[in-house]
N, C-alpha and C. Protein backbone atom coordinates (compact mmCIF):
# COMPACT_ATOMS: atom_id res chain seq x y z
N MET A 1 21.60 -17.35 5.59
CA MET A 1 21.00 -16.13 6.12
C MET A 1 20.01 -15.58 5.08
N PRO A 2 18.72 -15.47 5.42
CA PRO A 2 17.72 -15.01 4.46
C PRO A 2 17.95 -13.56 4.00
N GLU A 3 17.73 -13.33 2.70
CA GLU A 3 17.78 -11.97 2.15
C GLU A 3 16.48 -11.28 2.51
N LEU A 4 16.57 -10.05 2.96
CA LEU A 4 15.39 -9.31 3.41
C LEU A 4 15.26 -8.03 2.58
N LYS A 5 14.95 -8.19 1.30
CA LYS A 5 14.96 -7.04 0.38
C LYS A 5 13.91 -5.98 0.69
N TYR A 6 12.80 -6.34 1.30
CA TYR A 6 11.74 -5.37 1.58
C TYR A 6 12.02 -4.53 2.83
N ILE A 7 12.93 -5.00 3.66
CA ILE A 7 13.24 -4.26 4.90
C ILE A 7 14.74 -4.01 5.01
N ALA A 8 15.44 -4.05 3.90
CA ALA A 8 16.91 -3.95 3.89
C ALA A 8 17.45 -2.71 4.59
N GLY A 9 16.75 -1.60 4.56
CA GLY A 9 17.26 -0.36 5.14
C GLY A 9 17.05 -0.21 6.64
N TYR A 10 16.44 -1.18 7.27
CA TYR A 10 16.18 -1.10 8.71
C TYR A 10 17.42 -1.49 9.51
N PRO A 11 17.46 -1.15 10.80
CA PRO A 11 18.64 -1.47 11.63
C PRO A 11 18.95 -2.97 11.68
N ASP A 12 20.23 -3.28 11.80
CA ASP A 12 20.69 -4.68 11.82
C ASP A 12 20.03 -5.50 12.92
N GLU A 13 19.83 -4.89 14.08
CA GLU A 13 19.20 -5.60 15.20
C GLU A 13 17.80 -6.09 14.82
N LEU A 14 17.06 -5.24 14.14
CA LEU A 14 15.71 -5.60 13.71
C LEU A 14 15.76 -6.66 12.61
N LEU A 15 16.69 -6.53 11.69
CA LEU A 15 16.84 -7.52 10.62
C LEU A 15 17.19 -8.89 11.20
N ASP A 16 18.05 -8.92 12.20
CA ASP A 16 18.41 -10.19 12.85
C ASP A 16 17.19 -10.83 13.51
N LYS A 17 16.38 -10.01 14.12
CA LYS A 17 15.16 -10.53 14.77
C LYS A 17 14.22 -11.15 13.73
N VAL A 18 14.07 -10.49 12.59
CA VAL A 18 13.21 -11.01 11.52
C VAL A 18 13.80 -12.30 10.95
N ARG A 19 15.11 -12.34 10.76
CA ARG A 19 15.76 -13.56 10.27
C ARG A 19 15.49 -14.74 11.20
N ARG A 20 15.58 -14.48 12.51
CA ARG A 20 15.30 -15.55 13.49
C ARG A 20 13.85 -16.01 13.38
N MET A 21 12.93 -15.06 13.20
CA MET A 21 11.52 -15.43 13.06
C MET A 21 11.30 -16.30 11.82
N ILE A 22 12.01 -15.98 10.74
CA ILE A 22 11.89 -16.78 9.52
C ILE A 22 12.46 -18.18 9.76
N GLU A 23 13.65 -18.24 10.33
CA GLU A 23 14.30 -19.53 10.57
C GLU A 23 13.50 -20.42 11.51
N GLN A 24 12.85 -19.81 12.51
CA GLN A 24 12.05 -20.55 13.48
C GLN A 24 10.59 -20.72 13.01
N LYS A 25 10.32 -20.22 11.81
CA LYS A 25 8.97 -20.29 11.23
C LYS A 25 7.92 -19.64 12.14
N LYS A 26 8.27 -18.49 12.70
CA LYS A 26 7.36 -17.77 13.59
C LYS A 26 6.81 -16.48 12.98
N LEU A 27 7.24 -16.15 11.78
CA LEU A 27 6.77 -14.91 11.15
C LEU A 27 5.28 -15.02 10.81
N SER A 28 4.85 -16.18 10.35
CA SER A 28 3.42 -16.41 10.05
C SER A 28 2.58 -16.18 11.30
N GLN A 29 3.01 -16.77 12.39
CA GLN A 29 2.29 -16.65 13.65
C GLN A 29 2.18 -15.19 14.08
N TYR A 30 3.28 -14.46 13.97
CA TYR A 30 3.28 -13.03 14.34
C TYR A 30 2.27 -12.26 13.50
N LEU A 31 2.30 -12.45 12.19
CA LEU A 31 1.41 -11.70 11.30
C LEU A 31 -0.05 -12.09 11.51
N LEU A 32 -0.32 -13.39 11.64
CA LEU A 32 -1.71 -13.83 11.82
C LEU A 32 -2.30 -13.39 13.15
N LYS A 33 -1.46 -13.31 14.17
CA LYS A 33 -1.95 -12.84 15.47
C LYS A 33 -2.31 -11.35 15.38
N LYS A 34 -1.51 -10.59 14.70
CA LYS A 34 -1.71 -9.15 14.59
C LYS A 34 -2.79 -8.79 13.57
N TYR A 35 -2.86 -9.57 12.49
CA TYR A 35 -3.80 -9.30 11.38
C TYR A 35 -4.49 -10.61 11.00
N PRO A 36 -5.50 -11.03 11.76
CA PRO A 36 -6.08 -12.37 11.57
C PRO A 36 -6.94 -12.57 10.32
N VAL A 37 -7.53 -11.51 9.77
CA VAL A 37 -8.45 -11.71 8.65
C VAL A 37 -8.14 -10.76 7.50
N LYS A 38 -8.48 -11.22 6.30
CA LYS A 38 -8.32 -10.35 5.14
C LYS A 38 -9.60 -9.52 4.95
N HIS A 39 -9.46 -8.44 4.23
CA HIS A 39 -10.61 -7.56 3.98
C HIS A 39 -11.53 -8.15 2.92
N ASP A 40 -12.67 -7.52 2.69
CA ASP A 40 -13.62 -8.02 1.70
C ASP A 40 -13.83 -7.04 0.54
N ILE A 41 -12.87 -6.16 0.33
CA ILE A 41 -12.93 -5.21 -0.79
C ILE A 41 -12.26 -5.89 -1.99
N THR A 42 -13.06 -6.50 -2.84
CA THR A 42 -12.47 -7.29 -3.92
C THR A 42 -12.87 -6.81 -5.32
N THR A 43 -13.75 -5.82 -5.41
CA THR A 43 -14.14 -5.31 -6.73
C THR A 43 -13.62 -3.89 -6.89
N ASP A 44 -13.51 -3.46 -8.12
CA ASP A 44 -13.08 -2.08 -8.39
C ASP A 44 -14.08 -1.08 -7.82
N LYS A 45 -15.35 -1.40 -7.88
CA LYS A 45 -16.39 -0.51 -7.36
C LYS A 45 -16.24 -0.35 -5.84
N ALA A 46 -16.03 -1.45 -5.14
CA ALA A 46 -15.85 -1.40 -3.68
C ALA A 46 -14.57 -0.65 -3.33
N LEU A 47 -13.51 -0.85 -4.12
CA LEU A 47 -12.26 -0.14 -3.89
C LEU A 47 -12.44 1.35 -4.10
N TYR A 48 -13.14 1.73 -5.16
CA TYR A 48 -13.41 3.14 -5.43
C TYR A 48 -14.15 3.78 -4.25
N THR A 49 -15.16 3.10 -3.76
CA THR A 49 -15.93 3.61 -2.62
C THR A 49 -15.04 3.79 -1.40
N TYR A 50 -14.21 2.80 -1.11
CA TYR A 50 -13.29 2.86 0.03
C TYR A 50 -12.31 4.02 -0.11
N VAL A 51 -11.71 4.15 -1.27
CA VAL A 51 -10.73 5.22 -1.51
C VAL A 51 -11.39 6.58 -1.41
N MET A 52 -12.57 6.72 -1.98
CA MET A 52 -13.26 8.02 -1.95
C MET A 52 -13.67 8.40 -0.53
N GLU A 53 -14.03 7.43 0.30
CA GLU A 53 -14.35 7.72 1.70
C GLU A 53 -13.13 8.29 2.41
N LEU A 54 -11.97 7.70 2.19
CA LEU A 54 -10.73 8.21 2.79
C LEU A 54 -10.37 9.58 2.23
N LYS A 55 -10.48 9.72 0.92
CA LYS A 55 -10.17 11.01 0.29
C LYS A 55 -11.08 12.12 0.83
N ASN A 56 -12.36 11.84 0.88
CA ASN A 56 -13.31 12.86 1.35
C ASN A 56 -13.14 13.17 2.83
N ARG A 57 -12.63 12.24 3.57
CA ARG A 57 -12.40 12.47 5.00
C ARG A 57 -11.15 13.32 5.25
N TYR A 58 -10.08 13.05 4.49
CA TYR A 58 -8.80 13.69 4.78
C TYR A 58 -8.34 14.69 3.73
N LEU A 59 -8.81 14.57 2.52
CA LEU A 59 -8.30 15.42 1.43
C LEU A 59 -9.44 16.03 0.63
N LYS A 60 -10.34 16.69 1.30
CA LYS A 60 -11.54 17.23 0.65
C LYS A 60 -11.22 18.17 -0.50
N LYS A 61 -10.18 18.97 -0.34
CA LYS A 61 -9.86 19.98 -1.34
C LYS A 61 -8.89 19.48 -2.41
N ALA A 62 -8.44 18.26 -2.31
CA ALA A 62 -7.51 17.71 -3.30
C ALA A 62 -8.25 17.45 -4.62
N SER A 63 -7.48 17.30 -5.66
CA SER A 63 -8.04 17.01 -6.98
C SER A 63 -8.92 15.76 -6.94
N ASN A 64 -9.91 15.75 -7.83
CA ASN A 64 -10.79 14.59 -7.91
C ASN A 64 -10.08 13.40 -8.51
N LEU A 65 -10.61 12.23 -8.23
CA LEU A 65 -10.10 10.99 -8.81
C LEU A 65 -11.07 10.54 -9.89
N SER A 66 -10.56 10.26 -11.06
CA SER A 66 -11.44 9.80 -12.13
C SER A 66 -11.52 8.28 -12.18
N LYS A 67 -10.48 7.62 -11.65
CA LYS A 67 -10.47 6.16 -11.72
C LYS A 67 -9.70 5.60 -10.53
N VAL A 68 -10.26 4.54 -9.95
CA VAL A 68 -9.59 3.77 -8.90
C VAL A 68 -9.88 2.31 -9.21
N LEU A 69 -8.81 1.51 -9.31
CA LEU A 69 -9.04 0.11 -9.64
C LEU A 69 -7.90 -0.78 -9.19
N PHE A 70 -8.22 -2.08 -9.09
CA PHE A 70 -7.19 -3.09 -8.85
C PHE A 70 -6.56 -3.40 -10.20
N ASP A 71 -5.24 -3.52 -10.22
CA ASP A 71 -4.52 -3.78 -11.46
C ASP A 71 -3.62 -5.00 -11.27
N ASN A 72 -3.96 -6.09 -11.94
CA ASN A 72 -3.17 -7.32 -11.80
C ASN A 72 -1.80 -7.22 -12.47
N LYS A 73 -1.58 -6.17 -13.26
CA LYS A 73 -0.28 -5.98 -13.91
C LYS A 73 0.73 -5.34 -12.96
N LEU A 74 0.24 -4.69 -11.91
CA LEU A 74 1.15 -4.10 -10.92
C LEU A 74 1.66 -5.21 -10.02
N THR A 75 2.96 -5.37 -10.00
CA THR A 75 3.56 -6.42 -9.19
C THR A 75 4.80 -5.89 -8.50
N LEU A 76 5.31 -6.66 -7.58
CA LEU A 76 6.54 -6.27 -6.90
C LEU A 76 7.73 -6.29 -7.84
N LYS A 77 7.64 -7.05 -8.93
CA LYS A 77 8.72 -7.05 -9.91
C LYS A 77 8.85 -5.68 -10.55
N LYS A 78 7.73 -4.94 -10.59
CA LYS A 78 7.75 -3.57 -11.11
C LYS A 78 7.93 -2.57 -9.98
N GLN A 79 8.24 -3.07 -8.78
CA GLN A 79 8.50 -2.24 -7.61
C GLN A 79 7.30 -1.40 -7.18
N ALA A 80 6.10 -1.91 -7.37
CA ALA A 80 4.94 -1.11 -6.99
C ALA A 80 3.77 -1.97 -6.52
N LEU A 81 3.14 -1.52 -5.45
CA LEU A 81 1.88 -2.11 -5.00
C LEU A 81 0.73 -1.15 -5.27
N GLY A 82 1.09 0.08 -5.58
CA GLY A 82 0.12 1.09 -5.91
C GLY A 82 0.74 2.08 -6.87
N LEU A 83 -0.11 2.78 -7.60
CA LEU A 83 0.39 3.73 -8.58
C LEU A 83 -0.60 4.88 -8.68
N HIS A 84 -0.09 6.08 -8.55
CA HIS A 84 -0.90 7.27 -8.75
C HIS A 84 -0.48 7.88 -10.07
N SER A 85 -1.44 8.11 -10.95
CA SER A 85 -1.13 8.69 -12.26
C SER A 85 -1.85 10.01 -12.41
N PHE A 86 -1.16 10.96 -12.98
CA PHE A 86 -1.76 12.24 -13.35
C PHE A 86 -1.71 12.27 -14.86
N VAL A 87 -2.87 12.19 -15.49
CA VAL A 87 -2.95 12.08 -16.94
C VAL A 87 -3.53 13.37 -17.49
N SER A 88 -2.85 13.97 -18.46
CA SER A 88 -3.35 15.16 -19.14
C SER A 88 -3.64 14.81 -20.59
N ARG A 89 -4.81 15.24 -21.05
CA ARG A 89 -5.20 14.99 -22.45
C ARG A 89 -5.77 16.27 -23.04
N VAL A 90 -5.51 16.46 -24.31
CA VAL A 90 -6.08 17.60 -25.03
C VAL A 90 -7.41 17.14 -25.60
N GLN A 91 -8.47 17.91 -25.28
CA GLN A 91 -9.78 17.65 -25.85
C GLN A 91 -10.26 18.96 -26.46
N GLY A 92 -10.20 19.01 -27.79
CA GLY A 92 -10.53 20.26 -28.48
C GLY A 92 -9.46 21.29 -28.17
N ASN A 93 -9.89 22.43 -27.65
CA ASN A 93 -8.92 23.46 -27.28
C ASN A 93 -8.70 23.54 -25.77
N LYS A 94 -9.12 22.48 -25.06
CA LYS A 94 -8.97 22.43 -23.61
C LYS A 94 -8.03 21.31 -23.20
N LEU A 95 -7.35 21.52 -22.11
CA LEU A 95 -6.49 20.50 -21.53
C LEU A 95 -7.21 19.89 -20.34
N LYS A 96 -7.53 18.62 -20.43
CA LYS A 96 -8.23 17.91 -19.35
C LYS A 96 -7.21 17.08 -18.59
N SER A 97 -7.28 17.16 -17.27
CA SER A 97 -6.37 16.35 -16.45
C SER A 97 -7.18 15.45 -15.53
N LYS A 98 -6.61 14.28 -15.29
CA LYS A 98 -7.28 13.29 -14.45
C LYS A 98 -6.26 12.67 -13.51
N ASN A 99 -6.72 12.36 -12.32
CA ASN A 99 -5.93 11.60 -11.36
C ASN A 99 -6.50 10.20 -11.30
N GLU A 100 -5.61 9.22 -11.35
CA GLU A 100 -6.03 7.82 -11.29
C GLU A 100 -5.17 7.09 -10.27
N ILE A 101 -5.77 6.14 -9.57
CA ILE A 101 -5.04 5.31 -8.63
C ILE A 101 -5.26 3.85 -9.02
N CYS A 102 -4.16 3.13 -9.16
CA CYS A 102 -4.21 1.69 -9.40
C CYS A 102 -3.56 1.00 -8.20
N ILE A 103 -4.20 -0.04 -7.73
CA ILE A 103 -3.71 -0.82 -6.60
C ILE A 103 -3.44 -2.24 -7.09
N ALA A 104 -2.30 -2.78 -6.71
CA ALA A 104 -1.93 -4.13 -7.16
C ALA A 104 -3.00 -5.14 -6.78
N GLY A 105 -3.32 -6.01 -7.73
CA GLY A 105 -4.36 -7.01 -7.52
C GLY A 105 -4.09 -7.93 -6.34
N VAL A 106 -2.82 -8.15 -6.01
CA VAL A 106 -2.51 -9.02 -4.87
C VAL A 106 -3.04 -8.45 -3.56
N LEU A 107 -3.34 -7.16 -3.53
CA LEU A 107 -3.86 -6.55 -2.30
C LEU A 107 -5.35 -6.81 -2.08
N LYS A 108 -5.96 -7.58 -2.98
CA LYS A 108 -7.33 -8.03 -2.75
C LYS A 108 -7.37 -9.06 -1.62
N TYR A 109 -6.23 -9.66 -1.34
CA TYR A 109 -6.18 -10.81 -0.45
C TYR A 109 -5.31 -10.57 0.78
N VAL A 110 -5.41 -9.40 1.34
CA VAL A 110 -4.62 -9.04 2.52
C VAL A 110 -5.52 -8.41 3.57
N PRO A 111 -5.04 -8.23 4.78
CA PRO A 111 -5.82 -7.52 5.79
C PRO A 111 -6.07 -6.07 5.36
N LEU A 112 -7.14 -5.50 5.85
CA LEU A 112 -7.52 -4.13 5.49
C LEU A 112 -6.40 -3.14 5.81
N GLU A 113 -5.67 -3.38 6.88
CA GLU A 113 -4.60 -2.45 7.27
C GLU A 113 -3.54 -2.35 6.18
N PHE A 114 -3.24 -3.44 5.49
CA PHE A 114 -2.22 -3.42 4.43
C PHE A 114 -2.74 -2.69 3.20
N LEU A 115 -4.01 -2.92 2.87
CA LEU A 115 -4.62 -2.18 1.76
C LEU A 115 -4.66 -0.69 2.10
N ARG A 116 -5.04 -0.39 3.32
CA ARG A 116 -5.16 1.01 3.76
C ARG A 116 -3.84 1.76 3.63
N VAL A 117 -2.74 1.15 4.02
CA VAL A 117 -1.45 1.86 3.98
C VAL A 117 -1.07 2.19 2.54
N ILE A 118 -1.37 1.31 1.59
CA ILE A 118 -1.08 1.60 0.18
C ILE A 118 -2.02 2.67 -0.36
N VAL A 119 -3.30 2.58 -0.02
CA VAL A 119 -4.26 3.59 -0.47
C VAL A 119 -3.88 4.97 0.07
N ILE A 120 -3.53 5.03 1.33
CA ILE A 120 -3.14 6.31 1.93
C ILE A 120 -1.89 6.85 1.25
N HIS A 121 -0.95 5.98 0.98
CA HIS A 121 0.27 6.39 0.29
C HIS A 121 -0.07 7.02 -1.07
N GLU A 122 -0.93 6.37 -1.82
CA GLU A 122 -1.30 6.88 -3.15
C GLU A 122 -2.15 8.15 -3.05
N LEU A 123 -3.03 8.22 -2.07
CA LEU A 123 -3.82 9.45 -1.88
C LEU A 123 -2.91 10.63 -1.52
N ALA A 124 -1.89 10.39 -0.74
CA ALA A 124 -0.98 11.48 -0.36
C ALA A 124 -0.32 12.09 -1.59
N HIS A 125 -0.17 11.31 -2.65
CA HIS A 125 0.41 11.84 -3.88
C HIS A 125 -0.50 12.86 -4.57
N LEU A 126 -1.77 12.92 -4.19
CA LEU A 126 -2.64 13.95 -4.74
C LEU A 126 -2.17 15.35 -4.33
N LYS A 127 -1.59 15.44 -3.15
CA LYS A 127 -1.10 16.74 -2.65
C LYS A 127 0.41 16.88 -2.73
N GLU A 128 1.13 15.79 -2.51
CA GLU A 128 2.59 15.81 -2.50
C GLU A 128 3.11 14.79 -3.51
N LYS A 129 3.74 15.26 -4.55
CA LYS A 129 4.21 14.36 -5.62
C LYS A 129 5.45 13.57 -5.20
N GLU A 130 6.33 14.18 -4.42
CA GLU A 130 7.59 13.55 -4.03
C GLU A 130 7.47 12.87 -2.66
N HIS A 131 8.34 11.90 -2.41
CA HIS A 131 8.41 11.25 -1.10
C HIS A 131 9.32 12.10 -0.21
N ASN A 132 8.77 13.17 0.29
CA ASN A 132 9.54 14.07 1.15
C ASN A 132 8.91 14.14 2.53
N LYS A 133 9.43 15.02 3.36
CA LYS A 133 8.94 15.14 4.73
C LYS A 133 7.44 15.47 4.77
N ALA A 134 7.01 16.39 3.92
CA ALA A 134 5.60 16.77 3.88
C ALA A 134 4.72 15.60 3.46
N PHE A 135 5.22 14.78 2.54
CA PHE A 135 4.48 13.61 2.08
C PHE A 135 4.21 12.65 3.24
N TYR A 136 5.27 12.32 3.98
CA TYR A 136 5.11 11.35 5.07
C TYR A 136 4.34 11.95 6.25
N LYS A 137 4.42 13.24 6.42
CA LYS A 137 3.61 13.90 7.45
C LYS A 137 2.13 13.78 7.10
N LEU A 138 1.81 13.94 5.82
CA LEU A 138 0.44 13.79 5.37
C LEU A 138 -0.04 12.34 5.54
N CYS A 139 0.83 11.38 5.22
CA CYS A 139 0.48 9.96 5.43
C CYS A 139 0.16 9.71 6.90
N GLN A 140 0.97 10.25 7.78
CA GLN A 140 0.73 10.06 9.22
C GLN A 140 -0.52 10.79 9.69
N HIS A 141 -0.85 11.89 9.06
CA HIS A 141 -2.09 12.58 9.40
C HIS A 141 -3.30 11.69 9.09
N MET A 142 -3.24 11.02 7.93
CA MET A 142 -4.35 10.16 7.52
C MET A 142 -4.35 8.84 8.28
N GLU A 143 -3.17 8.37 8.66
CA GLU A 143 -3.04 7.10 9.40
C GLU A 143 -1.91 7.26 10.40
N PRO A 144 -2.25 7.58 11.68
CA PRO A 144 -1.20 7.79 12.68
C PRO A 144 -0.24 6.61 12.84
N ASN A 145 -0.69 5.42 12.52
CA ASN A 145 0.13 4.22 12.64
C ASN A 145 0.79 3.85 11.30
N TYR A 146 0.96 4.82 10.43
CA TYR A 146 1.44 4.59 9.07
C TYR A 146 2.75 3.81 9.03
N TYR A 147 3.74 4.25 9.78
CA TYR A 147 5.06 3.61 9.70
C TYR A 147 5.02 2.15 10.17
N GLN A 148 4.25 1.85 11.20
CA GLN A 148 4.15 0.46 11.67
C GLN A 148 3.43 -0.40 10.64
N LEU A 149 2.36 0.14 10.07
CA LEU A 149 1.62 -0.63 9.07
C LEU A 149 2.47 -0.88 7.82
N GLU A 150 3.23 0.12 7.42
CA GLU A 150 4.12 -0.05 6.27
C GLU A 150 5.17 -1.12 6.57
N PHE A 151 5.73 -1.09 7.76
CA PHE A 151 6.71 -2.10 8.15
C PHE A 151 6.09 -3.50 8.16
N ASP A 152 4.90 -3.62 8.74
CA ASP A 152 4.24 -4.92 8.80
C ASP A 152 3.88 -5.42 7.40
N LEU A 153 3.51 -4.53 6.50
CA LEU A 153 3.28 -4.93 5.11
C LEU A 153 4.58 -5.45 4.50
N ARG A 154 5.68 -4.79 4.80
CA ARG A 154 6.98 -5.26 4.31
C ARG A 154 7.31 -6.64 4.90
N LEU A 155 6.94 -6.85 6.16
CA LEU A 155 7.13 -8.18 6.76
C LEU A 155 6.28 -9.23 6.05
N TYR A 156 5.06 -8.87 5.71
CA TYR A 156 4.18 -9.78 4.99
C TYR A 156 4.78 -10.14 3.63
N LEU A 157 5.31 -9.15 2.92
CA LEU A 157 5.94 -9.41 1.62
C LEU A 157 7.16 -10.30 1.79
N THR A 158 7.92 -10.05 2.85
CA THR A 158 9.08 -10.90 3.16
C THR A 158 8.61 -12.32 3.45
N HIS A 159 7.57 -12.45 4.24
CA HIS A 159 7.00 -13.77 4.55
C HIS A 159 6.68 -14.52 3.26
N ASN A 160 6.07 -13.84 2.31
CA ASN A 160 5.65 -14.49 1.07
C ASN A 160 6.83 -14.93 0.21
N ASP A 161 8.01 -14.35 0.43
CA ASP A 161 9.20 -14.81 -0.28
C ASP A 161 9.65 -16.18 0.22
N TYR A 162 9.32 -16.53 1.46
CA TYR A 162 9.81 -17.76 2.06
C TYR A 162 8.74 -18.81 2.32
N PHE A 163 7.48 -18.38 2.41
CA PHE A 163 6.40 -19.29 2.75
C PHE A 163 5.20 -19.02 1.84
N GLU A 164 4.20 -19.87 1.95
CA GLU A 164 2.96 -19.67 1.21
C GLU A 164 2.27 -18.40 1.70
N PRO A 165 1.62 -17.64 0.80
CA PRO A 165 0.88 -16.45 1.25
C PRO A 165 -0.17 -16.81 2.31
N LEU A 166 -0.32 -15.94 3.28
CA LEU A 166 -1.21 -16.23 4.42
C LEU A 166 -2.68 -16.09 4.10
N TYR A 167 -3.06 -15.16 3.25
CA TYR A 167 -4.46 -14.78 3.15
C TYR A 167 -5.09 -15.12 1.80
N SER A 168 -4.42 -15.80 0.92
CA SER A 168 -4.97 -16.03 -0.40
C SER A 168 -6.09 -17.06 -0.40
């Protein structure tokens, strides 16, 4: 019986369905049918532009971002595909603060919907620091299909535990 660490908290009925898809080698087919192509945002500059477009559309009054980049050091072993950092530094007699977003380098090679769900998640941290009801409400405001996309990303990660990555 395959271990499903990325979707472990979901109902048993759903987990059984995913296990059957893995055993029958149909998970790849499901994902490719739903998400046939990977995005073309592969540079830090392109990622910054993409993130700022989303931020300016949904979070105009939120703090500015000083840095947005792909980070190859972010991995699932560190339990993160994205990271929002709030950095404070003393410069002279002033305290300067910066918001930074790092996105795992593996997300250069996935469909745009998977990149989008991580970017939205990290952008939501500009307004809500904790994963609470307000945080997820904000995520859904920016992406009404947030929960489905997050689940499908978890399916993709599960797929990669058992098979070759689909989009690399």
